[in-house]
Amino acid sequence: MTGTGKLGGTGKLGGTGKLGGGSQVLERAVTSRGELALRRWGTEFEIISNGVFLMDTRDGRSERLMVTAALARCPATAPEVLICGLGVGFSLAEAVSQARVTRVDVVEISAEIIGWHASHLRHLAAPAWDDSRVHVINADVVAWLARRRGPYDVICIDVDNGPEWTVWDANQVLYGDEGLRRVWESLRPGGVVSVWSAAEAPAFEDRLRRHFTSVHARRVPVSRGQPDVVYLAERGDLGPASMPGHRSVR
């Protein structure tokens, strides 16, 4: 997602390719989830979902932190990373910049966003597209994680605007107990999950503590509005899960 402006997007899209203030719609697509549009504002790009501001390229510190902070806490010497949500590519670019990372899987529901990274957005994560460690999967991450995946050493989640600001109601599952159980099962013991949020999400943090250990939040100030928040947590067990509601891991 973005580091700034996520909750304060500007304007709804009209029927033409031009918007006020120098903004231009570059691409527009009608999907099963409604209209998705890519627009350029000067040198920056924005993605709009059904007229609602979703993400832009004006910052990226918190998305990069989501990756670097998780890797810093991960004990694996050759970590395998799952990124849930391609967005504008900041997290992917950060992951491939880390030499010790041996694999980066990216799950993105929107074929349109994946396609825009082959054209308008390619420069944002340019090194990733020729990197053999990178595997982009066009899938709904909620459904994809329903089958145990990985295991991974790091899972980074940046879907919609975070746990309490989902654009699609179906994505709430990812941040609930069932979704966190799926994430837990897809991590190796000692693995780390990081979750991007557009604002403080205390109820989600409490839920995270029910499934993981060593939970804490990193706040990243933005130019307007509340700070972005990156939640970090570890699967600290060395055997079958001891948290309530978990099945034993074989």
C-alpha atoms as a PDB file:
ATOM      1  CA  MET A   1       0.000   0.000   0.000  1.00  0.00           C
ATOM      2  CA  THR A   2       1.278   3.476   0.625  1.00  0.00           C
ATOM      3  CA  GLY A   3       2.901   5.396   3.404  1.00  0.00           C
ATOM      4  CA  THR A   4       0.804   8.526   3.009  1.00  0.00           C
ATOM      5  CA  GLY A   5      -2.669   9.596   2.165  1.00  0.00           C
ATOM      6  CA  LYS A   6      -4.242   6.164   2.317  1.00  0.00           C
ATOM      7  CA  LEU A   7      -7.302   7.255   4.227  1.00  0.00           C
ATOM      8  CA  GLY A   8      -7.580  10.629   2.573  1.00  0.00           C
ATOM      9  CA  GLY A   9      -7.772   9.909  -1.128  1.00  0.00           C
ATOM     10  CA  THR A  10      -8.892  12.618  -3.514  1.00  0.00           C
ATOM     11  CA  GLY A  11     -11.951  12.585  -5.660  1.00  0.00           C
ATOM     12  CA  LYS A  12     -14.022  10.016  -7.495  1.00  0.00           C
ATOM     13  CA  LEU A  13     -13.241   8.968 -11.012  1.00  0.00           C
ATOM     14  CA  GLY A  14     -15.286  10.416 -13.796  1.00  0.00           C
ATOM     15  CA  GLY A  15     -15.986   9.069 -17.210  1.00  0.00           C
ATOM     16  CA  THR A  16     -13.023  10.731 -18.925  1.00  0.00           C
ATOM     17  CA  GLY A  17      -9.310  10.126 -18.653  1.00  0.00           C
ATOM     18  CA  LYS A  18      -8.523  13.533 -17.177  1.00  0.00           C
ATOM     19  CA  LEU A  19      -9.092  14.707 -13.617  1.00  0.00           C
ATOM     20  CA  GLY A  20      -8.596  18.100 -12.041  1.00  0.00           C
ATOM     21  CA  GLY A  21      -5.227  19.250 -10.707  1.00  0.00           C
ATOM     22  CA  GLY A  22      -3.181  17.478 -13.387  1.00  0.00           C
ATOM     23  CA  SER A  23      -4.313  13.932 -12.600  1.00  0.00           C
ATOM     24  CA  GLN A  24      -4.739  11.568 -15.541  1.00  0.00           C
ATOM     25  CA  VAL A  25      -6.357   8.129 -15.647  1.00  0.00           C
ATOM     26  CA  LEU A  26      -3.919   5.806 -17.412  1.00  0.00           C
ATOM     27  CA  GLU A  27      -5.851   2.552 -17.171  1.00  0.00           C
ATOM     28  CA  ARG A  28      -9.347   1.558 -16.114  1.00  0.00           C
ATOM     29  CA  ALA A  29     -10.681  -1.982 -15.783  1.00  0.00           C
ATOM     30  CA  VAL A  30     -14.000  -3.483 -14.734  1.00  0.00           C
ATOM     31  CA  THR A  31     -13.397  -6.561 -12.594  1.00  0.00           C
ATOM     32  CA  SER A  32     -15.536  -8.951 -10.583  1.00  0.00           C
ATOM     33  CA  ARG A  33     -14.832  -6.674  -7.626  1.00  0.00           C
ATOM     34  CA  GLY A  34     -15.857  -3.487  -9.438  1.00  0.00           C
ATOM     35  CA  GLU A  35     -13.849  -0.772 -11.177  1.00  0.00           C
ATOM     36  CA  LEU A  36     -10.098  -0.530 -10.729  1.00  0.00           C
ATOM     37  CA  ALA A  37      -8.172   2.430 -12.090  1.00  0.00           C
ATOM     38  CA  LEU A  38      -4.567   3.566 -12.317  1.00  0.00           C
ATOM     39  CA  ARG A  39      -3.969   7.288 -12.457  1.00  0.00           C
ATOM     40  CA  ARG A  40      -0.908   9.482 -12.565  1.00  0.00           C
ATOM     41  CA  TRP A  41      -0.543  12.663 -10.545  1.00  0.00           C
ATOM     42  CA  GLY A  42       2.631  14.392 -11.726  1.00  0.00           C
ATOM     43  CA  THR A  43       5.406  11.854 -11.211  1.00  0.00           C
ATOM     44  CA  GLU A  44       3.355   9.739  -8.799  1.00  0.00           C
ATOM     45  CA  PHE A  45       0.846   6.957  -9.406  1.00  0.00           C
ATOM     46  CA  GLU A  46      -2.370   6.081  -7.578  1.00  0.00           C
ATOM     47  CA  ILE A  47      -4.623   3.037  -7.664  1.00  0.00           C
ATOM     48  CA  ILE A  48      -8.339   3.618  -7.119  1.00  0.00           C
ATOM     49  CA  SER A  49     -10.888   0.909  -6.319  1.00  0.00           C
ATOM     50  CA  ASN A  50     -14.530   1.763  -7.031  1.00  0.00           C
ATOM     51  CA  GLY A  51     -13.727   5.436  -6.663  1.00  0.00           C
ATOM     52  CA  VAL A  52     -12.001   4.883  -3.297  1.00  0.00           C
ATOM     53  CA  PHE A  53      -8.317   5.753  -2.916  1.00  0.00           C
ATOM     54  CA  LEU A  54      -6.413   2.507  -2.324  1.00  0.00           C
ATOM     55  CA  MET A  55      -2.663   3.113  -2.664  1.00  0.00           C
ATOM     56  CA  ASP A  56      -0.067   5.425  -4.174  1.00  0.00           C
ATOM     57  CA  THR A  57       3.670   5.803  -4.736  1.00  0.00           C
ATOM     58  CA  ARG A  58       4.313   8.936  -2.663  1.00  0.00           C
ATOM     59  CA  ASP A  59       6.089   7.128   0.154  1.00  0.00           C
ATOM     60  CA  GLY A  60       6.871   3.523   0.934  1.00  0.00           C
ATOM     61  CA  ARG A  61       8.809   3.598   4.197  1.00  0.00           C
ATOM     62  CA  SER A  62       6.260   1.536   6.098  1.00  0.00           C
ATOM     63  CA  GLU A  63       5.953  -1.074   3.341  1.00  0.00           C
ATOM     64  CA  ARG A  64       9.723  -1.482   3.268  1.00  0.00           C
ATOM     65  CA  LEU A  65       9.801  -1.620   7.069  1.00  0.00           C
ATOM     66  CA  MET A  66       7.250  -4.423   6.941  1.00  0.00           C
ATOM     67  CA  VAL A  67       9.923  -6.488   5.170  1.00  0.00           C
ATOM     68  CA  THR A  68      13.137  -5.317   6.849  1.00  0.00           C
ATOM     69  CA  ALA A  69      11.777  -5.468  10.398  1.00  0.00           C
ATOM     70  CA  ALA A  70      10.437  -8.987   9.872  1.00  0.00           C
ATOM     71  CA  LEU A  71      13.710 -10.194   8.373  1.00  0.00           C
ATOM     72  CA  ALA A  72      15.656  -8.611  11.239  1.00  0.00           C
ATOM     73  CA  ARG A  73      13.680 -10.766  13.685  1.00  0.00           C
ATOM     74  CA  CYS A  74      13.881 -13.919  11.583  1.00  0.00           C
ATOM     75  CA  PRO A  75      16.594 -16.400  12.651  1.00  0.00           C
ATOM     76  CA  ALA A  76      16.738 -18.207   9.293  1.00  0.00           C
ATOM     77  CA  THR A  77      20.011 -17.762   7.411  1.00  0.00           C
ATOM     78  CA  ALA A  78      18.335 -18.204   3.999  1.00  0.00           C
ATOM     79  CA  PRO A  79      14.740 -17.049   4.552  1.00  0.00           C
ATOM     80  CA  GLU A  80      11.860 -17.730   2.212  1.00  0.00           C
ATOM     81  CA  VAL A  81       9.356 -14.878   2.101  1.00  0.00           C
ATOM     82  CA  LEU A  82       5.667 -14.628   1.243  1.00  0.00           C
ATOM     83  CA  ILE A  83       4.256 -11.188   0.415  1.00  0.00           C
ATOM     84  CA  CYS A  84       0.470 -10.956   0.512  1.00  0.00           C
ATOM     85  CA  GLY A  85      -0.434  -8.079  -1.803  1.00  0.00           C
ATOM     86  CA  LEU A  86       1.769  -6.725  -4.600  1.00  0.00           C
ATOM     87  CA  GLY A  87       0.464  -3.171  -4.415  1.00  0.00           C
ATOM     88  CA  VAL A  88       2.825  -0.683  -6.020  1.00  0.00           C
ATOM     89  CA  GLY A  89       5.802  -2.958  -5.386  1.00  0.00           C
ATOM     90  CA  PHE A  90       7.649  -1.344  -2.476  1.00  0.00           C
ATOM     91  CA  SER A  91       7.656  -4.503  -0.355  1.00  0.00           C
ATOM     92  CA  LEU A  92       8.741  -6.711  -3.242  1.00  0.00           C
ATOM     93  CA  ALA A  93      11.565  -4.326  -4.143  1.00  0.00           C
ATOM     94  CA  GLU A  94      12.781  -4.373  -0.542  1.00  0.00           C
ATOM     95  CA  ALA A  95      12.642  -8.162  -0.310  1.00  0.00           C
ATOM     96  CA  VAL A  96      14.751  -8.734  -3.439  1.00  0.00           C
ATOM     97  CA  SER A  97      17.306  -6.185  -2.227  1.00  0.00           C
ATOM     98  CA  GLN A  98      18.108  -8.527   0.683  1.00  0.00           C
ATOM     99  CA  ALA A  99      20.849 -10.931  -0.443  1.00  0.00           C
ATOM    100  CA  ARG A 100      20.074 -13.565   2.204  1.00  0.00           C
ATOM    101  CA  VAL A 101      16.497 -14.036   0.952  1.00  0.00           C
ATOM    102  CA  THR A 102      16.294 -17.169  -1.203  1.00  0.00           C
ATOM    103  CA  ARG A 103      12.674 -17.048  -2.391  1.00  0.00           C
ATOM    104  CA  VAL A 104       9.944 -14.403  -2.653  1.00  0.00           C
ATOM    105  CA  ASP A 105       6.387 -15.493  -3.420  1.00  0.00           C
ATOM    106  CA  VAL A 106       3.904 -12.678  -4.053  1.00  0.00           C
ATOM    107  CA  VAL A 107       0.167 -13.363  -4.001  1.00  0.00           C
ATOM    108  CA  GLU A 108      -1.944 -10.672  -5.697  1.00  0.00           C
ATOM    109  CA  ILE A 109      -5.656 -10.988  -6.446  1.00  0.00           C
ATOM    110  CA  SER A 110      -5.691  -8.417  -9.244  1.00  0.00           C
ATOM    111  CA  ALA A 111      -4.411  -9.487 -12.657  1.00  0.00           C
ATOM    112  CA  GLU A 112      -4.754  -5.835 -13.644  1.00  0.00           C
ATOM    113  CA  ILE A 113      -2.293  -4.646 -10.989  1.00  0.00           C
ATOM    114  CA  ILE A 114       0.141  -7.393 -11.992  1.00  0.00           C
ATOM    115  CA  GLY A 115      -0.192  -6.248 -15.577  1.00  0.00           C
ATOM    116  CA  TRP A 116       0.428  -2.596 -14.694  1.00  0.00           C
ATOM    117  CA  HIS A 117       3.767  -3.666 -13.236  1.00  0.00           C
ATOM    118  CA  ALA A 118       4.754  -4.779 -16.723  1.00  0.00           C
ATOM    119  CA  SER A 119       4.131  -1.254 -18.020  1.00  0.00           C
ATOM    120  CA  HIS A 120       3.425   1.918 -16.022  1.00  0.00           C
ATOM    121  CA  LEU A 121       4.705   0.662 -12.643  1.00  0.00           C
ATOM    122  CA  ARG A 122       7.628  -1.476 -13.787  1.00  0.00           C
ATOM    123  CA  HIS A 123      10.279   0.957 -12.506  1.00  0.00           C
ATOM    124  CA  LEU A 124       9.050   0.700  -8.913  1.00  0.00           C
ATOM    125  CA  ALA A 125      10.298  -2.873  -8.430  1.00  0.00           C
ATOM    126  CA  ALA A 126      12.401  -3.194 -11.584  1.00  0.00           C
ATOM    127  CA  PRO A 127      15.102  -5.556 -10.191  1.00  0.00           C
ATOM    128  CA  ALA A 128      12.428  -8.054  -9.132  1.00  0.00           C
ATOM    129  CA  TRP A 129      11.140  -8.854 -12.596  1.00  0.00           C
ATOM    130  CA  ASP A 130      14.392 -10.462 -13.730  1.00  0.00           C
ATOM    131  CA  ASP A 131      15.100 -12.133 -10.377  1.00  0.00           C
ATOM    132  CA  SER A 132      14.713 -15.919 -10.374  1.00  0.00           C
ATOM    133  CA  ARG A 133      13.816 -15.842  -6.675  1.00  0.00           C
ATOM    134  CA  VAL A 134      10.514 -14.073  -7.422  1.00  0.00           C
ATOM    135  CA  HIS A 135       7.259 -15.921  -8.105  1.00  0.00           C
ATOM    136  CA  VAL A 136       4.063 -13.880  -8.629  1.00  0.00           C
ATOM    137  CA  ILE A 137       0.818 -15.772  -8.030  1.00  0.00           C
ATOM    138  CA  ASN A 138      -2.473 -14.314  -9.268  1.00  0.00           C
ATOM    139  CA  ALA A 139      -4.845 -15.503  -6.549  1.00  0.00           C
ATOM    140  CA  ASP A 140      -7.059 -14.393  -3.690  1.00  0.00           C
ATOM    141  CA  VAL A 141      -4.742 -14.676  -0.702  1.00  0.00           C
ATOM    142  CA  VAL A 142      -7.625 -15.608   1.627  1.00  0.00           C
ATOM    143  CA  ALA A 143      -8.522 -18.623  -0.494  1.00  0.00           C
ATOM    144  CA  TRP A 144      -4.886 -19.393  -1.325  1.00  0.00           C
ATOM    145  CA  LEU A 145      -3.918 -19.645   2.334  1.00  0.00           C
ATOM    146  CA  ALA A 146      -6.872 -21.931   3.041  1.00  0.00           C
ATOM    147  CA  ARG A 147      -4.538 -24.723   1.969  1.00  0.00           C
ATOM    148  CA  ARG A 148      -1.442 -24.834   4.120  1.00  0.00           C
ATOM    149  CA  ARG A 149       1.365 -23.114   2.196  1.00  0.00           C
ATOM    150  CA  GLY A 150       5.107 -22.869   2.469  1.00  0.00           C
ATOM    151  CA  PRO A 151       6.357 -23.188   5.017  1.00  0.00           C
ATOM    152  CA  TYR A 152       7.813 -19.699   4.957  1.00  0.00           C
ATOM    153  CA  ASP A 153      10.211 -17.939   7.302  1.00  0.00           C
ATOM    154  CA  VAL A 154       8.566 -14.533   6.828  1.00  0.00           C
ATOM    155  CA  ILE A 155       5.022 -13.635   5.797  1.00  0.00           C
ATOM    156  CA  CYS A 156       4.237  -9.975   5.057  1.00  0.00           C
ATOM    157  CA  ILE A 157       0.565  -8.993   4.809  1.00  0.00           C
ATOM    158  CA  ASP A 158      -0.497  -5.767   3.098  1.00  0.00           C
ATOM    159  CA  VAL A 159      -4.048  -6.340   1.905  1.00  0.00           C
ATOM    160  CA  ASP A 160      -6.462  -3.423   1.528  1.00  0.00           C
ATOM    161  CA  ASN A 161      -5.766  -0.772   4.164  1.00  0.00           C
ATOM    162  CA  GLY A 162      -5.114  -3.138   7.042  1.00  0.00           C
ATOM    163  CA  PRO A 163      -7.100  -5.062   9.649  1.00  0.00           C
ATOM    164  CA  GLU A 164      -9.744  -2.423  10.346  1.00  0.00           C
ATOM    165  CA  TRP A 165     -10.026  -0.727   6.942  1.00  0.00           C
ATOM    166  CA  THR A 166     -10.729  -3.490   4.445  1.00  0.00           C
ATOM    167  CA  VAL A 167     -11.994  -2.399   1.028  1.00  0.00           C
ATOM    168  CA  TRP A 168     -13.489  -5.857   0.437  1.00  0.00           C
ATOM    169  CA  ASP A 169     -15.472  -7.450   3.263  1.00  0.00           C
ATOM    170  CA  ALA A 170     -14.177 -10.905   2.304  1.00  0.00           C
ATOM    171  CA  ASN A 171     -10.660  -9.829   3.289  1.00  0.00           C
ATOM    172  CA  GLN A 172     -11.722  -9.474   6.930  1.00  0.00           C
ATOM    173  CA  VAL A 173     -11.243 -13.228   7.211  1.00  0.00           C
ATOM    174  CA  LEU A 174      -7.498 -12.765   6.728  1.00  0.00           C
ATOM    175  CA  TYR A 175      -7.285 -10.618   9.860  1.00  0.00           C
ATOM    176  CA  GLY A 176      -9.590 -12.766  11.973  1.00  0.00           C
ATOM    177  CA  ASP A 177      -8.799 -15.871  14.011  1.00  0.00           C
ATOM    178  CA  GLU A 178      -9.234 -18.205  11.057  1.00  0.00           C
ATOM    179  CA  GLY A 179      -6.942 -16.141   8.823  1.00  0.00           C
ATOM    180  CA  LEU A 180      -4.276 -15.857  11.504  1.00  0.00           C
ATOM    181  CA  ARG A 181      -4.440 -19.610  12.036  1.00  0.00           C
ATOM    182  CA  ARG A 182      -3.794 -20.094   8.322  1.00  0.00           C
ATOM    183  CA  VAL A 183      -0.829 -17.746   8.485  1.00  0.00           C
ATOM    184  CA  TRP A 184       0.514 -19.520  11.584  1.00  0.00           C
ATOM    185  CA  GLU A 185       0.335 -22.887   9.817  1.00  0.00           C
ATOM    186  CA  SER A 186       2.212 -21.480   6.801  1.00  0.00           C
ATOM    187  CA  LEU A 187       5.158 -20.304   8.916  1.00  0.00           C
ATOM    188  CA  ARG A 188       8.096 -22.353  10.108  1.00  0.00           C
ATOM    189  CA  PRO A 189       8.679 -22.435  13.880  1.00  0.00           C
ATOM    190  CA  GLY A 190      10.538 -19.230  14.671  1.00  0.00           C
ATOM    191  CA  GLY A 191       9.044 -17.559  11.604  1.00  0.00           C
ATOM    192  CA  VAL A 192       7.815 -13.971  11.626  1.00  0.00           C
ATOM    193  CA  VAL A 193       4.627 -12.359  10.353  1.00  0.00           C
ATOM    194  CA  SER A 194       4.390  -8.621   9.668  1.00  0.00           C
ATOM    195  CA  VAL A 195       1.108  -6.841   8.997  1.00  0.00           C
ATOM    196  CA  TRP A 196       0.661  -3.368   7.494  1.00  0.00           C
ATOM    197  CA  SER A 197      -2.098  -1.161   8.883  1.00  0.00           C
ATOM    198  CA  ALA A 198      -3.234   2.357   7.984  1.00  0.00           C
ATOM    199  CA  ALA A 199      -3.822   3.089  11.683  1.00  0.00           C
ATOM    200  CA  GLU A 200      -3.696   1.599  15.151  1.00  0.00           C
ATOM    201  CA  ALA A 201      -5.749  -1.596  15.373  1.00  0.00           C
ATOM    202  CA  PRO A 202      -5.846  -2.584  19.066  1.00  0.00           C
ATOM    203  CA  ALA A 203      -8.453  -5.327  18.644  1.00  0.00           C
ATOM    204  CA  PHE A 204      -6.337  -6.911  15.916  1.00  0.00           C
ATOM    205  CA  GLU A 205      -3.212  -6.637  18.074  1.00  0.00           C
ATOM    206  CA  ASP A 206      -5.012  -8.499  20.863  1.00  0.00           C
ATOM    207  CA  ARG A 207      -6.068 -11.163  18.376  1.00  0.00           C
ATOM    208  CA  LEU A 208      -2.511 -11.439  17.093  1.00  0.00           C
ATOM    209  CA  ARG A 209      -1.310 -12.133  20.630  1.00  0.00           C
ATOM    210  CA  ARG A 210      -3.679 -15.106  20.852  1.00  0.00           C
ATOM    211  CA  HIS A 211      -1.911 -16.789  17.945  1.00  0.00           C
ATOM    212  CA  PHE A 212       1.684 -15.559  18.058  1.00  0.00           C
ATOM    213  CA  THR A 213       4.393 -14.501  20.481  1.00  0.00           C
ATOM    214  CA  SER A 214       6.610 -11.403  20.832  1.00  0.00           C
ATOM    215  CA  VAL A 215       3.989  -9.112  19.322  1.00  0.00           C
ATOM    216  CA  HIS A 216       4.767  -5.431  18.955  1.00  0.00           C
ATOM    217  CA  ALA A 217       3.944  -2.455  16.747  1.00  0.00           C
ATOM    218  CA  ARG A 218       6.212  -0.115  14.787  1.00  0.00           C
ATOM    219  CA  ARG A 219       4.722   3.301  13.936  1.00  0.00           C
ATOM    220  CA  VAL A 220       5.780   5.310  10.895  1.00  0.00           C
ATOM    221  CA  PRO A 221       4.736   8.999  10.868  1.00  0.00           C
ATOM    222  CA  VAL A 222       3.143  10.237   7.645  1.00  0.00           C
ATOM    223  CA  SER A 223       2.641  13.713   6.230  1.00  0.00           C
ATOM    224  CA  ARG A 224      -1.030  13.771   7.198  1.00  0.00           C
ATOM    225  CA  GLY A 225      -3.314  11.705   9.371  1.00  0.00           C
ATOM    226  CA  GLN A 226      -2.455   8.887  11.732  1.00  0.00           C
ATOM    227  CA  PRO A 227       0.877   7.050  11.501  1.00  0.00           C
ATOM    228  CA  ASP A 228       1.122   3.879   9.486  1.00  0.00           C
ATOM    229  CA  VAL A 229       1.578   0.867  11.766  1.00  0.00           C
ATOM    230  CA  VAL A 230       3.500  -2.355  11.133  1.00  0.00           C
ATOM    231  CA  TYR A 231       2.603  -5.201  13.476  1.00  0.00           C
ATOM    232  CA  LEU A 232       5.266  -7.875  14.018  1.00  0.00           C
ATOM    233  CA  ALA A 233       4.838 -11.263  15.652  1.00  0.00           C
ATOM    234  CA  GLU A 234       6.645 -14.595  15.856  1.00  0.00           C
ATOM    235  CA  ARG A 235       5.609 -18.197  15.673  1.00  0.00           C
ATOM    236  CA  GLY A 236       7.784 -18.996  18.626  1.00  0.00           C
ATOM    237  CA  ASP A 237       6.872 -22.620  19.284  1.00  0.00           C
ATOM    238  CA  LEU A 238       9.204 -25.495  18.482  1.00  0.00           C
ATOM    239  CA  GLY A 239       6.520 -28.129  18.059  1.00  0.00           C
ATOM    240  CA  PRO A 240       2.738 -28.518  17.770  1.00  0.00           C
ATOM    241  CA  ALA A 241       0.845 -25.290  18.381  1.00  0.00           C
ATOM    242  CA  SER A 242      -0.055 -24.570  21.948  1.00  0.00           C
ATOM    243  CA  MET A 243      -2.412 -21.692  21.160  1.00  0.00           C
ATOM    244  CA  PRO A 244      -6.154 -22.311  21.614  1.00  0.00           C
ATOM    245  CA  GLY A 245      -7.968 -23.356  18.468  1.00  0.00           C
ATOM    246  CA  HIS A 246      -4.920 -24.637  16.590  1.00  0.00           C
ATOM    247  CA  ARG A 247      -4.637 -28.069  15.115  1.00  0.00           C
ATOM    248  CA  SER A 248      -1.434 -30.007  15.541  1.00  0.00           C
ATOM    249  CA  VAL A 249       1.070 -29.416  12.783  1.00  0.00           C
ATOM    250  CA  ARG A 250       2.390 -32.601  11.188  1.00  0.00           C
END
